[in-house]
């Protein structure tokens, strides 16, 4: 019975992640194929008589890349300014669009500090630690009304990291981790089961130069 249990667990460890990965990828590909932004007459099933799996992903990547290529030059930026100026005149649309754009620019920007560091904070009480991600430093009015420099920390819930809590923690009360953001997300989504080994995340320290000296 012990050997049977061991073999079953070994089989599950192989098949469960594989099946789950394939199912998630298939769901994403099917969803993008169903929302393909092409006229019905231009779709593969109309032109070729059969569906091409993943064609929606290819088209979506091509559209995003082409759009980025266009808006990266001077003429494209002017068109974006005109478009955003038009949206700014629509009351509700302006609020939603500007908020979403600010979040995307903060998360995807290469110069910001959002989601670049994994932090350890004492939450929900002293002596209990939670893993979080740094999203901002020096948060406007909050910083002006506090005596210490505060860090905005997003503490995600498990196993869904898209929801969580925003904590404003003094900088001297957070511990910066060596693990990457990807490792931190794996830790949260796996209910704390997947933990990177210290040898994988420890920063390499340069070896001390050999002592040279002669009499």
C-alpha atoms as a PDB file:
ATOM      1  CA  UNK A   1       0.000   0.000   0.000  1.00  0.00           C
ATOM      2  CA  UNK A   2       2.881   2.358   0.760  1.00  0.00           C
ATOM      3  CA  UNK A   3       4.432   1.717  -2.672  1.00  0.00           C
ATOM      4  CA  UNK A   4       1.039   2.100  -4.384  1.00  0.00           C
ATOM      5  CA  UNK A   5       0.480   5.438  -2.679  1.00  0.00           C
ATOM      6  CA  UNK A   6       3.956   6.609  -3.663  1.00  0.00           C
ATOM      7  CA  UNK A   7       3.412   5.699  -7.311  1.00  0.00           C
ATOM      8  CA  UNK A   8       0.010   7.406  -7.393  1.00  0.00           C
ATOM      9  CA  UNK A   9       1.452  10.611  -5.933  1.00  0.00           C
ATOM     10  CA  UNK A  10       4.343  10.509  -8.416  1.00  0.00           C
ATOM     11  CA  UNK A  11       1.845  10.175 -11.279  1.00  0.00           C
ATOM     12  CA  UNK A  12      -0.313  13.010  -9.981  1.00  0.00           C
ATOM     13  CA  UNK A  13       2.715  15.272  -9.633  1.00  0.00           C
ATOM     14  CA  UNK A  14       3.390  14.753 -13.316  1.00  0.00           C
ATOM     15  CA  UNK A  15      -0.132  14.940 -14.751  1.00  0.00           C
ATOM     16  CA  UNK A  16      -1.903  17.572 -12.626  1.00  0.00           C
ATOM     17  CA  UNK A  17       0.428  20.501 -13.495  1.00  0.00           C
ATOM     18  CA  UNK A  18       0.579  19.394 -17.134  1.00  0.00           C
ATOM     19  CA  UNK A  19      -3.205  19.095 -17.557  1.00  0.00           C
ATOM     20  CA  UNK A  20      -3.826  22.350 -15.678  1.00  0.00           C
ATOM     21  CA  UNK A  21      -1.288  24.220 -17.824  1.00  0.00           C
ATOM     22  CA  UNK A  22      -2.771  22.892 -21.068  1.00  0.00           C
ATOM     23  CA  UNK A  23      -6.317  23.716 -19.894  1.00  0.00           C
ATOM     24  CA  UNK A  24      -5.402  27.303 -18.959  1.00  0.00           C
ATOM     25  CA  UNK A  25      -3.538  27.933 -22.216  1.00  0.00           C
ATOM     26  CA  UNK A  26      -6.422  26.414 -24.216  1.00  0.00           C
ATOM     27  CA  UNK A  27      -8.912  28.638 -22.363  1.00  0.00           C
ATOM     28  CA  UNK A  28      -6.873  31.773 -23.157  1.00  0.00           C
ATOM     29  CA  UNK A  29      -6.367  30.827 -26.811  1.00  0.00           C
ATOM     30  CA  UNK A  30     -10.065  29.938 -27.283  1.00  0.00           C
ATOM     31  CA  UNK A  31     -11.145  33.188 -25.625  1.00  0.00           C
ATOM     32  CA  UNK A  32      -8.916  35.238 -27.934  1.00  0.00           C
ATOM     33  CA  UNK A  33     -10.094  33.287 -30.981  1.00  0.00           C
ATOM     34  CA  UNK A  34     -13.732  33.988 -30.071  1.00  0.00           C
ATOM     35  CA  UNK A  35     -13.046  37.711 -29.734  1.00  0.00           C
ATOM     36  CA  UNK A  36     -11.022  37.923 -32.953  1.00  0.00           C
ATOM     37  CA  UNK A  37     -11.189  41.510 -34.216  1.00  0.00           C
ATOM     38  CA  UNK A  38     -11.596  40.597 -37.871  1.00  0.00           C
ATOM     39  CA  UNK A  39     -14.610  40.835 -40.159  1.00  0.00           C
ATOM     40  CA  UNK A  40     -16.335  37.436 -40.538  1.00  0.00           C
ATOM     41  CA  UNK A  41     -15.380  37.303 -44.214  1.00  0.00           C
ATOM     42  CA  UNK A  42     -11.653  37.583 -43.334  1.00  0.00           C
ATOM     43  CA  UNK A  43     -11.558  34.853 -40.719  1.00  0.00           C
ATOM     44  CA  UNK A  44      -9.807  31.525 -41.447  1.00  0.00           C
ATOM     45  CA  UNK A  45     -13.027  29.502 -41.324  1.00  0.00           C
ATOM     46  CA  UNK A  46     -14.489  31.704 -44.065  1.00  0.00           C
ATOM     47  CA  UNK A  47     -11.381  31.790 -46.264  1.00  0.00           C
ATOM     48  CA  UNK A  48      -9.987  28.294 -45.713  1.00  0.00           C
ATOM     49  CA  UNK A  49     -13.028  26.404 -44.500  1.00  0.00           C
ATOM     50  CA  UNK A  50     -11.533  25.448 -41.130  1.00  0.00           C
ATOM     51  CA  UNK A  51     -10.486  27.116 -37.892  1.00  0.00           C
ATOM     52  CA  UNK A  52      -6.806  27.741 -37.066  1.00  0.00           C
ATOM     53  CA  UNK A  53      -6.244  27.376 -33.293  1.00  0.00           C
ATOM     54  CA  UNK A  54      -4.280  30.284 -31.881  1.00  0.00           C
ATOM     55  CA  UNK A  55      -4.889  32.544 -34.850  1.00  0.00           C
ATOM     56  CA  UNK A  56      -6.503  35.080 -32.525  1.00  0.00           C
ATOM     57  CA  UNK A  57      -3.339  35.233 -30.412  1.00  0.00           C
ATOM     58  CA  UNK A  58      -1.193  35.907 -33.482  1.00  0.00           C
ATOM     59  CA  UNK A  59      -3.556  38.642 -34.668  1.00  0.00           C
ATOM     60  CA  UNK A  60      -3.713  40.224 -31.199  1.00  0.00           C
ATOM     61  CA  UNK A  61       0.096  40.318 -30.909  1.00  0.00           C
ATOM     62  CA  UNK A  62       0.368  41.773 -34.414  1.00  0.00           C
ATOM     63  CA  UNK A  63      -2.217  44.468 -33.628  1.00  0.00           C
ATOM     64  CA  UNK A  64      -0.531  45.436 -30.344  1.00  0.00           C
ATOM     65  CA  UNK A  65       2.914  45.525 -31.972  1.00  0.00           C
ATOM     66  CA  UNK A  66       1.702  47.596 -34.936  1.00  0.00           C
ATOM     67  CA  UNK A  67      -0.125  50.005 -32.632  1.00  0.00           C
ATOM     68  CA  UNK A  68       2.997  50.459 -30.522  1.00  0.00           C
ATOM     69  CA  UNK A  69       5.045  51.057 -33.655  1.00  0.00           C
ATOM     70  CA  UNK A  70       2.644  53.765 -34.789  1.00  0.00           C
ATOM     71  CA  UNK A  71       2.222  55.613 -31.477  1.00  0.00           C
ATOM     72  CA  UNK A  72       5.971  55.580 -30.766  1.00  0.00           C
ATOM     73  CA  UNK A  73       6.669  58.239 -33.400  1.00  0.00           C
ATOM     74  CA  UNK A  74       5.752  61.921 -33.427  1.00  0.00           C
ATOM     75  CA  UNK A  75       2.650  61.595 -35.610  1.00  0.00           C
ATOM     76  CA  UNK A  76       1.344  58.717 -33.487  1.00  0.00           C
ATOM     77  CA  UNK A  77       1.824  60.658 -30.268  1.00  0.00           C
ATOM     78  CA  UNK A  78      -0.126  63.575 -31.719  1.00  0.00           C
ATOM     79  CA  UNK A  79      -2.975  61.239 -32.655  1.00  0.00           C
ATOM     80  CA  UNK A  80      -2.984  59.783 -29.126  1.00  0.00           C
ATOM     81  CA  UNK A  81      -3.109  63.308 -27.669  1.00  0.00           C
ATOM     82  CA  UNK A  82      -6.107  64.151 -29.851  1.00  0.00           C
ATOM     83  CA  UNK A  83      -7.819  60.877 -28.889  1.00  0.00           C
ATOM     84  CA  UNK A  84      -7.225  61.427 -25.176  1.00  0.00           C
ATOM     85  CA  UNK A  85      -8.379  65.029 -25.501  1.00  0.00           C
ATOM     86  CA  UNK A  86     -11.629  63.748 -26.958  1.00  0.00           C
ATOM     87  CA  UNK A  87     -12.073  61.221 -24.151  1.00  0.00           C
ATOM     88  CA  UNK A  88     -11.347  63.931 -21.566  1.00  0.00           C
ATOM     89  CA  UNK A  89     -14.589  65.674 -22.590  1.00  0.00           C
ATOM     90  CA  UNK A  90     -16.714  62.636 -21.755  1.00  0.00           C
ATOM     91  CA  UNK A  91     -17.401  62.717 -17.969  1.00  0.00           C
ATOM     92  CA  UNK A  92     -17.557  59.050 -16.931  1.00  0.00           C
ATOM     93  CA  UNK A  93     -15.290  57.709 -19.679  1.00  0.00           C
ATOM     94  CA  UNK A  94     -12.542  60.169 -18.747  1.00  0.00           C
ATOM     95  CA  UNK A  95     -12.453  58.954 -15.130  1.00  0.00           C
ATOM     96  CA  UNK A  96     -12.308  55.280 -16.034  1.00  0.00           C
ATOM     97  CA  UNK A  97      -9.809  55.702 -18.883  1.00  0.00           C
ATOM     98  CA  UNK A  98      -7.378  57.900 -16.957  1.00  0.00           C
ATOM     99  CA  UNK A  99      -7.420  55.607 -13.918  1.00  0.00           C
ATOM    100  CA  UNK A 100      -6.775  52.464 -15.973  1.00  0.00           C
ATOM    101  CA  UNK A 101      -4.049  54.157 -18.014  1.00  0.00           C
ATOM    102  CA  UNK A 102      -2.264  55.372 -14.884  1.00  0.00           C
ATOM    103  CA  UNK A 103      -2.303  51.871 -13.398  1.00  0.00           C
ATOM    104  CA  UNK A 104      -0.982  50.305 -16.618  1.00  0.00           C
ATOM    105  CA  UNK A 105       1.763  52.916 -16.960  1.00  0.00           C
ATOM    106  CA  UNK A 106       2.795  52.365 -13.350  1.00  0.00           C
ATOM    107  CA  UNK A 107       2.891  48.562 -13.577  1.00  0.00           C
ATOM    108  CA  UNK A 108       4.431  48.249 -17.050  1.00  0.00           C
ATOM    109  CA  UNK A 109       6.778  51.210 -16.847  1.00  0.00           C
ATOM    110  CA  UNK A 110      10.486  50.416 -16.674  1.00  0.00           C
ATOM    111  CA  UNK A 111      11.439  53.413 -14.556  1.00  0.00           C
ATOM    112  CA  UNK A 112       8.954  53.020 -11.702  1.00  0.00           C
ATOM    113  CA  UNK A 113       9.237  50.982  -8.537  1.00  0.00           C
ATOM    114  CA  UNK A 114       5.899  49.182  -8.729  1.00  0.00           C
ATOM    115  CA  UNK A 115       6.079  45.407  -8.380  1.00  0.00           C
ATOM    116  CA  UNK A 116       9.866  45.419  -8.470  1.00  0.00           C
ATOM    117  CA  UNK A 117      10.450  44.280  -4.877  1.00  0.00           C
ATOM    118  CA  UNK A 118       9.044  41.595  -2.574  1.00  0.00           C
ATOM    119  CA  UNK A 119       8.612  42.788   0.999  1.00  0.00           C
ATOM    120  CA  UNK A 120       7.899  41.151   4.333  1.00  0.00           C
ATOM    121  CA  UNK A 121       5.570  43.084   6.645  1.00  0.00           C
ATOM    122  CA  UNK A 122       4.029  42.362  10.024  1.00  0.00           C
ATOM    123  CA  UNK A 123       0.360  41.882   9.188  1.00  0.00           C
ATOM    124  CA  UNK A 124      -2.361  41.556  10.476  1.00  0.00           C
ATOM    125  CA  UNK A 125      -0.625  41.992  13.833  1.00  0.00           C
ATOM    126  CA  UNK A 126       2.819  42.139  15.405  1.00  0.00           C
ATOM    127  CA  UNK A 127       4.650  38.840  15.257  1.00  0.00           C
ATOM    128  CA  UNK A 128       2.703  37.612  12.201  1.00  0.00           C
ATOM    129  CA  UNK A 129       4.363  38.128   8.830  1.00  0.00           C
ATOM    130  CA  UNK A 130       2.841  38.536   5.373  1.00  0.00           C
ATOM    131  CA  UNK A 131       4.413  38.643   1.940  1.00  0.00           C
ATOM    132  CA  UNK A 132       3.708  41.746  -0.126  1.00  0.00           C
ATOM    133  CA  UNK A 133       4.875  43.702  -3.141  1.00  0.00           C
ATOM    134  CA  UNK A 134       6.085  47.282  -3.144  1.00  0.00           C
ATOM    135  CA  UNK A 135       3.887  49.468  -5.325  1.00  0.00           C
ATOM    136  CA  UNK A 136       4.860  53.025  -4.392  1.00  0.00           C
ATOM    137  CA  UNK A 137       7.140  55.155  -2.218  1.00  0.00           C
ATOM    138  CA  UNK A 138       6.163  58.527  -0.786  1.00  0.00           C
ATOM    139  CA  UNK A 139       2.414  58.682  -1.367  1.00  0.00           C
ATOM    140  CA  UNK A 140       1.469  62.350  -1.503  1.00  0.00           C
ATOM    141  CA  UNK A 141      -0.744  63.573   1.322  1.00  0.00           C
ATOM    142  CA  UNK A 142      -0.266  60.361   3.301  1.00  0.00           C
ATOM    143  CA  UNK A 143       3.474  60.998   3.377  1.00  0.00           C
ATOM    144  CA  UNK A 144       2.936  64.623   4.420  1.00  0.00           C
ATOM    145  CA  UNK A 145       0.803  63.583   7.386  1.00  0.00           C
ATOM    146  CA  UNK A 146       3.120  60.866   8.721  1.00  0.00           C
ATOM    147  CA  UNK A 147       6.355  61.315  10.610  1.00  0.00           C
ATOM    148  CA  UNK A 148       8.202  58.440   8.898  1.00  0.00           C
ATOM    149  CA  UNK A 149       8.719  57.671   5.228  1.00  0.00           C
ATOM    150  CA  UNK A 150       6.055  55.160   4.226  1.00  0.00           C
ATOM    151  CA  UNK A 151       6.012  52.475   1.575  1.00  0.00           C
ATOM    152  CA  UNK A 152       2.855  51.318  -0.165  1.00  0.00           C
ATOM    153  CA  UNK A 153       2.665  47.531   0.039  1.00  0.00           C
ATOM    154  CA  UNK A 154       0.145  45.345  -1.754  1.00  0.00           C
ATOM    155  CA  UNK A 155      -0.532  42.166   0.237  1.00  0.00           C
ATOM    156  CA  UNK A 156      -2.304  39.707  -2.091  1.00  0.00           C
ATOM    157  CA  UNK A 157      -4.797  37.072  -1.059  1.00  0.00           C
ATOM    158  CA  UNK A 158      -4.319  33.362  -1.696  1.00  0.00           C
ATOM    159  CA  UNK A 159      -4.712  31.688  -4.157  1.00  0.00           C
ATOM    160  CA  UNK A 160      -6.023  34.674  -6.157  1.00  0.00           C
ATOM    161  CA  UNK A 161      -3.296  37.353  -6.184  1.00  0.00           C
ATOM    162  CA  UNK A 162      -5.461  39.883  -8.038  1.00  0.00           C
ATOM    163  CA  UNK A 163      -7.246  40.814  -4.807  1.00  0.00           C
ATOM    164  CA  UNK A 164      -5.669  41.893  -1.560  1.00  0.00           C
ATOM    165  CA  UNK A 165      -4.969  44.763   0.816  1.00  0.00           C
ATOM    166  CA  UNK A 166      -3.095  48.061   0.469  1.00  0.00           C
ATOM    167  CA  UNK A 167      -0.899  48.800   3.490  1.00  0.00           C
ATOM    168  CA  UNK A 168       1.055  51.993   4.170  1.00  0.00           C
ATOM    169  CA  UNK A 169       4.027  50.795   6.206  1.00  0.00           C
ATOM    170  CA  UNK A 170       7.001  52.800   7.542  1.00  0.00           C
ATOM    171  CA  UNK A 171      10.090  51.959   5.519  1.00  0.00           C
ATOM    172  CA  UNK A 172      12.037  50.862   8.613  1.00  0.00           C
ATOM    173  CA  UNK A 173       9.334  48.279   9.404  1.00  0.00           C
ATOM    174  CA  UNK A 174       9.530  46.328   6.146  1.00  0.00           C
ATOM    175  CA  UNK A 175      12.050  43.657   5.225  1.00  0.00           C
ATOM    176  CA  UNK A 176      13.161  43.561   1.605  1.00  0.00           C
ATOM    177  CA  UNK A 177      13.385  40.004   0.300  1.00  0.00           C
ATOM    178  CA  UNK A 178      15.916  38.618  -2.158  1.00  0.00           C
ATOM    179  CA  UNK A 179      13.323  36.548  -4.029  1.00  0.00           C
ATOM    180  CA  UNK A 180      11.991  37.815  -7.340  1.00  0.00           C
ATOM    181  CA  UNK A 181       8.421  39.007  -7.882  1.00  0.00           C
ATOM    182  CA  UNK A 182       7.777  35.839  -9.894  1.00  0.00           C
ATOM    183  CA  UNK A 183       8.885  33.676  -6.967  1.00  0.00           C
ATOM    184  CA  UNK A 184       6.709  35.726  -4.640  1.00  0.00           C
ATOM    185  CA  UNK A 185       3.650  35.189  -6.843  1.00  0.00           C
ATOM    186  CA  UNK A 186       4.367  31.447  -6.988  1.00  0.00           C
ATOM    187  CA  UNK A 187       4.509  31.412  -3.183  1.00  0.00           C
ATOM    188  CA  UNK A 188       1.136  33.174  -2.916  1.00  0.00           C
ATOM    189  CA  UNK A 189      -0.658  31.178  -5.613  1.00  0.00           C
ATOM    190  CA  UNK A 190       0.603  27.823  -4.294  1.00  0.00           C
ATOM    191  CA  UNK A 191      -0.763  28.541  -0.779  1.00  0.00           C
ATOM    192  CA  UNK A 192       2.799  28.792   0.489  1.00  0.00           C
ATOM    193  CA  UNK A 193       3.807  25.363  -0.829  1.00  0.00           C
ATOM    194  CA  UNK A 194       6.258  26.534  -3.523  1.00  0.00           C
ATOM    195  CA  UNK A 195       9.074  28.258  -1.667  1.00  0.00           C
ATOM    196  CA  UNK A 196      12.320  29.192  -3.437  1.00  0.00           C
ATOM    197  CA  UNK A 197      15.341  27.704  -1.736  1.00  0.00           C
ATOM    198  CA  UNK A 198      17.700  30.208  -0.094  1.00  0.00           C
ATOM    199  CA  UNK A 199      20.476  29.021  -2.407  1.00  0.00           C
ATOM    200  CA  UNK A 200      18.373  30.076  -5.421  1.00  0.00           C
ATOM    201  CA  UNK A 201      17.700  33.627  -4.264  1.00  0.00           C
ATOM    202  CA  UNK A 202      20.717  34.521  -2.188  1.00  0.00           C
ATOM    203  CA  UNK A 203      22.709  37.270  -3.811  1.00  0.00           C
ATOM    204  CA  UNK A 204      26.132  36.114  -4.831  1.00  0.00           C
ATOM    205  CA  UNK A 205      28.871  37.702  -2.780  1.00  0.00           C
ATOM    206  CA  UNK A 206      32.236  38.248  -4.435  1.00  0.00           C
ATOM    207  CA  UNK A 207      35.001  36.073  -3.101  1.00  0.00           C
ATOM    208  CA  UNK A 208      37.556  37.817  -0.978  1.00  0.00           C
ATOM    209  CA  UNK A 209      40.864  38.345  -2.785  1.00  0.00           C
ATOM    210  CA  UNK A 210      43.617  36.026  -1.648  1.00  0.00           C
ATOM    211  CA  UNK A 211      45.963  37.492   0.851  1.00  0.00           C
ATOM    212  CA  UNK A 212      49.304  38.302  -0.646  1.00  0.00           C
ATOM    213  CA  UNK A 213      52.199  39.175   1.446  1.00  0.00           C
ATOM    214  CA  UNK A 214      55.736  38.175   1.803  1.00  0.00           C
ATOM    215  CA  UNK A 215      58.331  38.575   4.363  1.00  0.00           C
END
